[in-house]
C-alpha atoms as a PDB file:
ATOM      1  CA  LYS A   1     -11.889 -10.693   1.939  1.00  0.00           C
ATOM      2  CA  GLU A   2     -13.687  -8.618  -0.630  1.00  0.00           C
ATOM      3  CA  PRO A   3     -14.256  -4.874  -0.009  1.00  0.00           C
ATOM      4  CA  MET A   4     -17.961  -5.242   0.815  1.00  0.00           C
ATOM      5  CA  GLU A   5     -17.200  -7.922   3.406  1.00  0.00           C
ATOM      6  CA  VAL A   6     -14.415  -5.808   4.939  1.00  0.00           C
ATOM      7  CA  ALA A   7     -16.714  -2.753   5.045  1.00  0.00           C
ATOM      8  CA  ARG A   8     -19.321  -4.742   6.937  1.00  0.00           C
ATOM      9  CA  VAL A   9     -16.767  -6.050   9.468  1.00  0.00           C
ATOM     10  CA  ILE A  10     -15.147  -2.661  10.184  1.00  0.00           C
ATOM     11  CA  HIS A  11     -18.454  -0.719  10.009  1.00  0.00           C
ATOM     12  CA  HIS A  12     -17.282   1.740   7.355  1.00  0.00           C
ATOM     13  CA  SER A  13     -18.732   2.673   3.990  1.00  0.00           C
ATOM     14  CA  LEU A  14     -17.706   0.755   0.913  1.00  0.00           C
ATOM     15  CA  LYS A  15     -16.007   3.868  -0.491  1.00  0.00           C
ATOM     16  CA  ALA A  16     -13.963   4.380   2.696  1.00  0.00           C
ATOM     17  CA  THR A  17     -13.044   0.693   2.757  1.00  0.00           C
ATOM     18  CA  GLU A  18     -11.907   0.761  -0.868  1.00  0.00           C
ATOM     19  CA  ASN A  19      -9.781   3.808  -0.022  1.00  0.00           C
ATOM     20  CA  TYR A  20      -8.182   1.951   2.908  1.00  0.00           C
ATOM     21  CA  LEU A  21      -7.528  -1.101   0.733  1.00  0.00           C
ATOM     22  CA  GLU A  22      -5.855   0.990  -1.983  1.00  0.00           C
ATOM     23  CA  LYS A  23      -3.603   2.620   0.606  1.00  0.00           C
ATOM     24  CA  PHE A  24      -2.830  -0.794   2.083  1.00  0.00           C
ATOM     25  CA  LYS A  25      -1.800  -2.055  -1.373  1.00  0.00           C
ATOM     26  CA  ARG A  26       0.476   0.957  -1.822  1.00  0.00           C
ATOM     27  CA  ILE A  27       2.107   0.422   1.580  1.00  0.00           C
ATOM     28  CA  ALA A  28       2.559  -3.314   0.957  1.00  0.00           C
ATOM     29  CA  TYR A  29       4.217  -2.485  -2.362  1.00  0.00           C
ATOM     30  CA  LEU A  30       6.513   0.134  -0.814  1.00  0.00           C
ATOM     31  CA  VAL A  31       7.482  -2.176   2.063  1.00  0.00           C
ATOM     32  CA  ARG A  32       8.584  -4.734  -0.521  1.00  0.00           C
ATOM     33  CA  LYS A  33      10.587  -2.016  -2.305  1.00  0.00           C
ATOM     34  CA  GLY A  34      12.440  -1.023   0.870  1.00  0.00           C
ATOM     35  CA  PHE A  35      10.964   2.411   1.549  1.00  0.00           C
ATOM     36  CA  THR A  36      11.236   3.846   5.063  1.00  0.00           C
ATOM     37  CA  ASP A  37       8.141   4.666   7.112  1.00  0.00           C
ATOM     38  CA  CYS A  38       8.623   8.406   6.515  1.00  0.00           C
ATOM     39  CA  GLU A  39       9.011   7.888   2.780  1.00  0.00           C
ATOM     40  CA  MET A  40       5.884   5.734   2.671  1.00  0.00           C
ATOM     41  CA  ALA A  41       3.864   8.294   4.631  1.00  0.00           C
ATOM     42  CA  ARG A  42       4.978  11.079   2.307  1.00  0.00           C
ATOM     43  CA  VAL A  43       4.453   9.120  -0.915  1.00  0.00           C
ATOM     44  CA  VAL A  44       1.023   7.723  -0.003  1.00  0.00           C
ATOM     45  CA  GLY A  45      -0.091  10.860   1.848  1.00  0.00           C
ATOM     46  CA  ILE A  46      -0.956   9.235   5.171  1.00  0.00           C
ATOM     47  CA  SER A  47       0.238   9.540   8.766  1.00  0.00           C
ATOM     48  CA  LEU A  48       3.062   7.506  10.281  1.00  0.00           C
ATOM     49  CA  ALA A  49       0.443   5.862  12.510  1.00  0.00           C
ATOM     50  CA  ALA A  50      -1.491   4.717   9.427  1.00  0.00           C
ATOM     51  CA  VAL A  51       1.747   3.435   7.864  1.00  0.00           C
ATOM     52  CA  SER A  52       2.405   1.471  11.051  1.00  0.00           C
ATOM     53  CA  THR A  53      -1.101  -0.015  11.001  1.00  0.00           C
ATOM     54  CA  PHE A  54      -0.850  -1.043   7.349  1.00  0.00           C
ATOM     55  CA  LYS A  55       2.631  -2.501   7.892  1.00  0.00           C
ATOM     56  CA  ARG A  56       1.358  -4.518  10.853  1.00  0.00           C
ATOM     57  CA  LEU A  57      -1.488  -5.895   8.750  1.00  0.00           C
ATOM     58  CA  TYR A  58       0.902  -6.671   5.906  1.00  0.00           C
ATOM     59  CA  GLY A  59       3.210  -8.518   8.309  1.00  0.00           C
ATOM     60  CA  GLU A  60       0.296 -10.470   9.719  1.00  0.00           C
ATOM     61  CA  PHE A  61      -1.061 -11.612   6.355  1.00  0.00           C
ATOM     62  CA  LYS A  62       1.873 -11.683   3.923  1.00  0.00           C
ATOM     63  CA  ASN A  63       2.609 -15.387   4.418  1.00  0.00           C
ATOM     64  CA  LYS A  64      -0.984 -16.593   4.263  1.00  0.00           C
ATOM     65  CA  ARG A  65      -1.892 -18.510   1.128  1.00  0.00           C
ATOM     66  CA  LEU A  66      -4.902 -16.393   0.166  1.00  0.00           C
ATOM     67  CA  PHE A  67      -2.882 -13.207   0.590  1.00  0.00           C
ATOM     68  CA  LYS A  68      -0.072 -14.545  -1.581  1.00  0.00           C
ATOM     69  CA  ASN A  69      -2.627 -14.955  -4.364  1.00  0.00           C
ATOM     70  CA  ARG A  70      -3.309 -11.195  -4.154  1.00  0.00           C
ATOM     71  CA  MET A  71       0.336 -10.147  -4.356  1.00  0.00           C
ATOM     72  CA  GLU A  72       0.146  -9.712  -8.133  1.00  0.00           C
ATOM     73  CA  GLU A  73      -2.769  -7.308  -7.655  1.00  0.00           C
ATOM     74  CA  ILE A  74      -0.749  -5.435  -5.013  1.00  0.00           C
ATOM     75  CA  GLU A  75       2.297  -5.224  -7.289  1.00  0.00           C
ATOM     76  CA  ILE A  76       0.200  -3.883 -10.170  1.00  0.00           C
ATOM     77  CA  ALA A  77      -1.629  -1.334  -7.998  1.00  0.00           C
ATOM     78  CA  GLY A  78       1.592  -0.161  -6.354  1.00  0.00           C
ATOM     79  CA  SER A  79       3.469   0.119  -9.621  1.00  0.00           C
ATOM     80  CA  GLN A  80       0.639   2.035 -11.308  1.00  0.00           C
ATOM     81  CA  TYR A  81       0.386   4.416  -8.368  1.00  0.00           C
ATOM     82  CA  MET A  82       4.111   5.084  -8.293  1.00  0.00           C
ATOM     83  CA  ASN A  83       4.194   5.667 -12.054  1.00  0.00           C
ATOM     84  CA  SER A  84       1.277   8.107 -11.908  1.00  0.00           C
ATOM     85  CA  GLU A  85       2.726   9.935  -8.900  1.00  0.00           C
ATOM     86  CA  GLY A  86       6.122  10.146 -10.581  1.00  0.00           C
ATOM     87  CA  GLU A  87       4.504  11.930 -13.495  1.00  0.00           C
ATOM     88  CA  LYS A  88       2.754  14.402 -11.167  1.00  0.00           C
ATOM     89  CA  LYS A  89       5.680  15.311  -8.970  1.00  0.00           C
ATOM     90  CA  SER A  90       9.295  14.474  -8.404  1.00  0.00           C
ATOM     91  CA  PHE A  91      10.017  12.566  -5.209  1.00  0.00           C
ATOM     92  CA  CYS A  92      13.349  13.064  -3.511  1.00  0.00           C
ATOM     93  CA  VAL A  93      13.471   9.699  -1.831  1.00  0.00           C
ATOM     94  CA  SER A  94      16.367   7.336  -1.796  1.00  0.00           C
ATOM     95  CA  SER A  95      14.820   3.988  -2.480  1.00  0.00           C
ATOM     96  CA  PRO A  96      15.617   0.812  -4.367  1.00  0.00           C
ATOM     97  CA  LEU A  97      12.849   1.783  -6.803  1.00  0.00           C
ATOM     98  CA  LYS A  98      15.100   4.464  -8.277  1.00  0.00           C
ATOM     99  CA  ASN A  99      17.699   1.837  -9.075  1.00  0.00           C
ATOM    100  CA  GLU A 100      15.201  -0.289 -11.010  1.00  0.00           C
ATOM    101  CA  GLN A 101      14.754   2.264 -13.808  1.00  0.00           C
END
């Protein structure tokens, strides 16, 4: 679904919905990279409960055809976020991402 459609369904503003979707993309990316829940919460700046919610949604949709088409967008968004955050601050997390450099 597009952000405007999601906003209408969940009764939130478009800005709030776009924020949720960006955080979802980051969590989906980090799940695929093998981060722990605590690492994801710290990196994205959200609660463990929010991480759990986003992981549940990712698990529910990751094998659906339409979602698979968005995986490239998720990979790009996650990679860009991690690169920008890495420039801002040094994370002390043990993750497979460190081994990819």
